[in-house]
């Protein structure tokens, strides 16, 4: 018997196909004693944890997924947008641990990350927040906030206050 399920994931439809073999031998168990351990959605045994890194440092987000039967499809999101594996984001799943690696973080990498594990019987997800702390050197602040321009003699006096942290 062939069992299938169509699941919508982001911008694509995925067709899950499960093959169920029925043994015709006398040694097989009856239909009433069917093993249903494979008929369940994935479960996260270790969730993602919030992480804070300095700008330029690598970040590794990881969680553990348990799934009986076929391996689940792992999908990573950043601020509710699907992430594609590439040079900036490297995604791995070894059958137990799902990882998202960011080689060199920048302020644009900060946000809410979600790992979703899907199989034919359902899905599970876990979330974390990645905070990227920038380096606040004099030169970086000068480059970011050089809008005042030169001060003219006799003009109004300007002053600026810099602070780091939460507003």
Protein backbone atom coordinates (compact mmCIF):
# COMPACT_ATOMS: atom_id res chain seq x y z
CA UNK A 1 0.00 0.00 0.00
CA UNK A 2 1.31 3.49 -0.86
CA UNK A 3 0.49 6.39 1.47
CA UNK A 4 1.26 9.99 0.52
CA UNK A 5 0.67 13.48 1.83
CA UNK A 6 1.21 16.86 0.15
CA UNK A 7 2.58 19.56 2.46
CA UNK A 8 2.99 23.29 1.69
CA UNK A 9 6.37 24.62 2.84
CA UNK A 10 7.15 28.28 2.18
CA UNK A 11 7.09 28.74 -1.57
CA UNK A 12 7.01 25.06 -2.55
CA UNK A 13 4.86 21.99 -2.26
CA UNK A 14 6.51 18.83 -1.02
CA UNK A 15 5.14 15.38 -1.66
CA UNK A 16 5.82 12.97 1.17
CA UNK A 17 5.64 9.34 0.16
CA UNK A 18 5.62 6.46 2.60
CA UNK A 19 5.76 2.84 1.56
CA UNK A 20 4.05 0.45 3.90
CA UNK A 21 4.79 -3.23 3.30
CA UNK A 22 2.34 -5.83 4.43
CA UNK A 23 3.92 -9.22 5.07
CA UNK A 24 1.99 -12.19 3.78
CA UNK A 25 3.79 -14.75 5.89
CA UNK A 26 2.23 -16.49 8.85
CA UNK A 27 4.95 -15.03 11.11
CA UNK A 28 3.65 -11.48 10.68
CA UNK A 29 1.50 -9.94 13.34
CA UNK A 30 -2.19 -9.36 12.79
CA UNK A 31 -3.61 -6.03 11.67
CA UNK A 32 -4.89 -5.38 15.20
CA UNK A 33 -1.34 -5.49 16.61
CA UNK A 34 0.15 -2.97 14.18
CA UNK A 35 3.26 -1.06 15.38
CA UNK A 36 2.47 2.66 15.31
CA UNK A 37 5.79 4.02 16.59
CA UNK A 38 6.59 5.40 13.12
CA UNK A 39 3.27 7.21 12.84
CA UNK A 40 4.15 10.37 14.73
CA UNK A 41 5.50 13.85 14.02
CA UNK A 42 9.07 14.84 14.92
CA UNK A 43 9.86 16.04 18.45
CA UNK A 44 12.60 18.41 19.61
CA UNK A 45 14.53 16.82 22.46
CA UNK A 46 16.80 19.89 22.87
CA UNK A 47 15.47 23.27 21.78
CA UNK A 48 17.38 26.23 20.36
CA UNK A 49 18.76 28.65 22.95
CA UNK A 50 19.17 32.43 22.65
CA UNK A 51 22.68 33.42 21.63
CA UNK A 52 24.66 36.65 21.78
CA UNK A 53 27.89 37.07 19.77
CA UNK A 54 30.23 39.91 18.91
CA UNK A 55 30.15 41.24 15.36
CA UNK A 56 32.52 39.30 13.12
CA UNK A 57 32.43 36.16 15.27
CA UNK A 58 30.82 32.90 14.09
CA UNK A 59 27.48 31.72 15.46
CA UNK A 60 26.18 28.15 15.67
CA UNK A 61 22.51 27.47 16.39
CA UNK A 62 21.70 23.85 17.12
CA UNK A 63 18.87 21.66 18.34
CA UNK A 64 18.17 17.92 18.62
CA UNK A 65 15.31 16.30 16.71
CA UNK A 66 13.83 12.87 17.37
CA UNK A 67 11.79 11.26 14.63
CA UNK A 68 10.78 7.62 14.34
CA UNK A 69 10.83 6.19 10.83
CA UNK A 70 11.98 8.45 8.02
CA UNK A 71 14.21 11.44 8.71
CA UNK A 72 12.31 14.74 8.86
CA UNK A 73 12.82 17.63 6.48
CA UNK A 74 14.62 20.44 8.35
CA UNK A 75 13.82 24.04 7.37
CA UNK A 76 15.46 27.12 8.91
CA UNK A 77 13.81 30.55 9.07
CA UNK A 78 15.16 33.98 9.99
CA UNK A 79 12.50 36.54 10.89
CA UNK A 80 9.89 34.27 9.24
CA UNK A 81 11.81 34.05 5.93
CA UNK A 82 13.21 30.73 4.67
CA UNK A 83 17.01 30.57 4.78
CA UNK A 84 18.89 28.92 1.94
CA UNK A 85 22.15 27.10 2.56
CA UNK A 86 25.06 28.91 0.95
CA UNK A 87 28.21 30.80 1.78
CA UNK A 88 26.59 32.87 4.55
CA UNK A 89 24.40 30.16 6.12
CA UNK A 90 25.45 26.50 6.34
CA UNK A 91 22.73 24.05 7.35
CA UNK A 92 23.43 20.48 8.47
CA UNK A 93 21.36 17.62 9.87
CA UNK A 94 22.94 14.30 10.84
CA UNK A 95 19.75 12.44 11.74
CA UNK A 96 19.75 13.80 15.29
CA UNK A 97 21.31 17.29 15.49
CA UNK A 98 20.19 20.16 13.24
CA UNK A 99 22.70 23.02 12.95
CA UNK A 100 22.76 26.44 11.35
CA UNK A 101 26.24 27.98 11.09
CA UNK A 102 26.91 31.64 10.36
CA UNK A 103 30.59 32.09 9.52
CA UNK A 104 31.12 35.79 10.23
CA UNK A 105 28.20 37.58 11.88
CA UNK A 106 27.15 41.15 11.18
CA UNK A 107 24.36 43.29 12.59
CA UNK A 108 22.11 42.09 9.73
CA UNK A 109 22.28 38.54 11.14
CA UNK A 110 20.54 39.54 14.37
CA UNK A 111 16.94 38.38 14.66
CA UNK A 112 14.56 35.55 15.45
CA UNK A 113 15.56 32.11 14.12
CA UNK A 114 13.28 29.11 13.86
CA UNK A 115 14.01 25.47 13.09
CA UNK A 116 11.09 23.47 11.70
CA UNK A 117 11.17 19.67 11.41
CA UNK A 118 8.49 18.11 9.17
CA UNK A 119 7.54 14.58 8.28
CA UNK A 120 4.42 13.00 6.80
CA UNK A 121 2.69 12.99 10.19
CA UNK A 122 3.22 16.59 11.25
CA UNK A 123 5.76 19.19 12.26
CA UNK A 124 7.53 20.63 15.26
CA UNK A 125 9.42 23.88 15.67
CA UNK A 126 11.61 25.75 18.13
CA UNK A 127 12.76 29.38 18.25
CA UNK A 128 15.66 31.46 19.49
CA UNK A 129 16.95 35.00 19.21
CA UNK A 130 20.43 35.84 17.91
CA UNK A 131 21.89 39.12 19.14
CA UNK A 132 24.96 40.53 17.39
CA UNK A 133 26.84 43.09 19.43
CA UNK A 134 28.71 45.60 17.28
CA UNK A 135 32.13 46.98 18.07
CA UNK A 136 31.80 50.59 19.18
CA UNK A 137 35.23 51.99 18.44
CA UNK A 138 35.80 55.69 17.81
CA UNK A 139 36.48 55.10 14.09
CA UNK A 140 33.33 53.00 13.53
CA UNK A 141 31.17 55.63 15.24
CA UNK A 142 32.85 58.41 13.26
CA UNK A 143 32.13 56.60 9.97
CA UNK A 144 28.51 55.85 10.90
CA UNK A 145 27.64 59.34 12.14
CA UNK A 146 29.65 61.74 9.99
CA UNK A 147 26.60 63.80 8.96
CA UNK A 148 27.37 66.94 10.96
CA UNK A 149 30.09 68.13 8.60
CA UNK A 150 32.74 70.73 9.44
CA UNK A 151 31.91 73.45 11.94
CA UNK A 152 32.10 76.99 10.68
CA UNK A 153 33.66 79.70 12.78
CA UNK A 154 31.04 81.80 14.48
CA UNK A 155 28.29 79.28 13.72
CA UNK A 156 26.14 77.46 16.22
CA UNK A 157 27.94 75.13 18.54
CA UNK A 158 27.14 71.45 18.02
CA UNK A 159 27.62 68.61 20.42
CA UNK A 160 26.88 64.93 20.15
CA UNK A 161 26.36 62.26 22.76
CA UNK A 162 27.06 58.61 22.03
CA UNK A 163 25.62 55.79 24.05
CA UNK A 164 25.68 52.05 23.68
CA UNK A 165 22.99 49.64 24.78
CA UNK A 166 19.23 49.67 24.75
CA UNK A 167 17.38 52.82 23.90
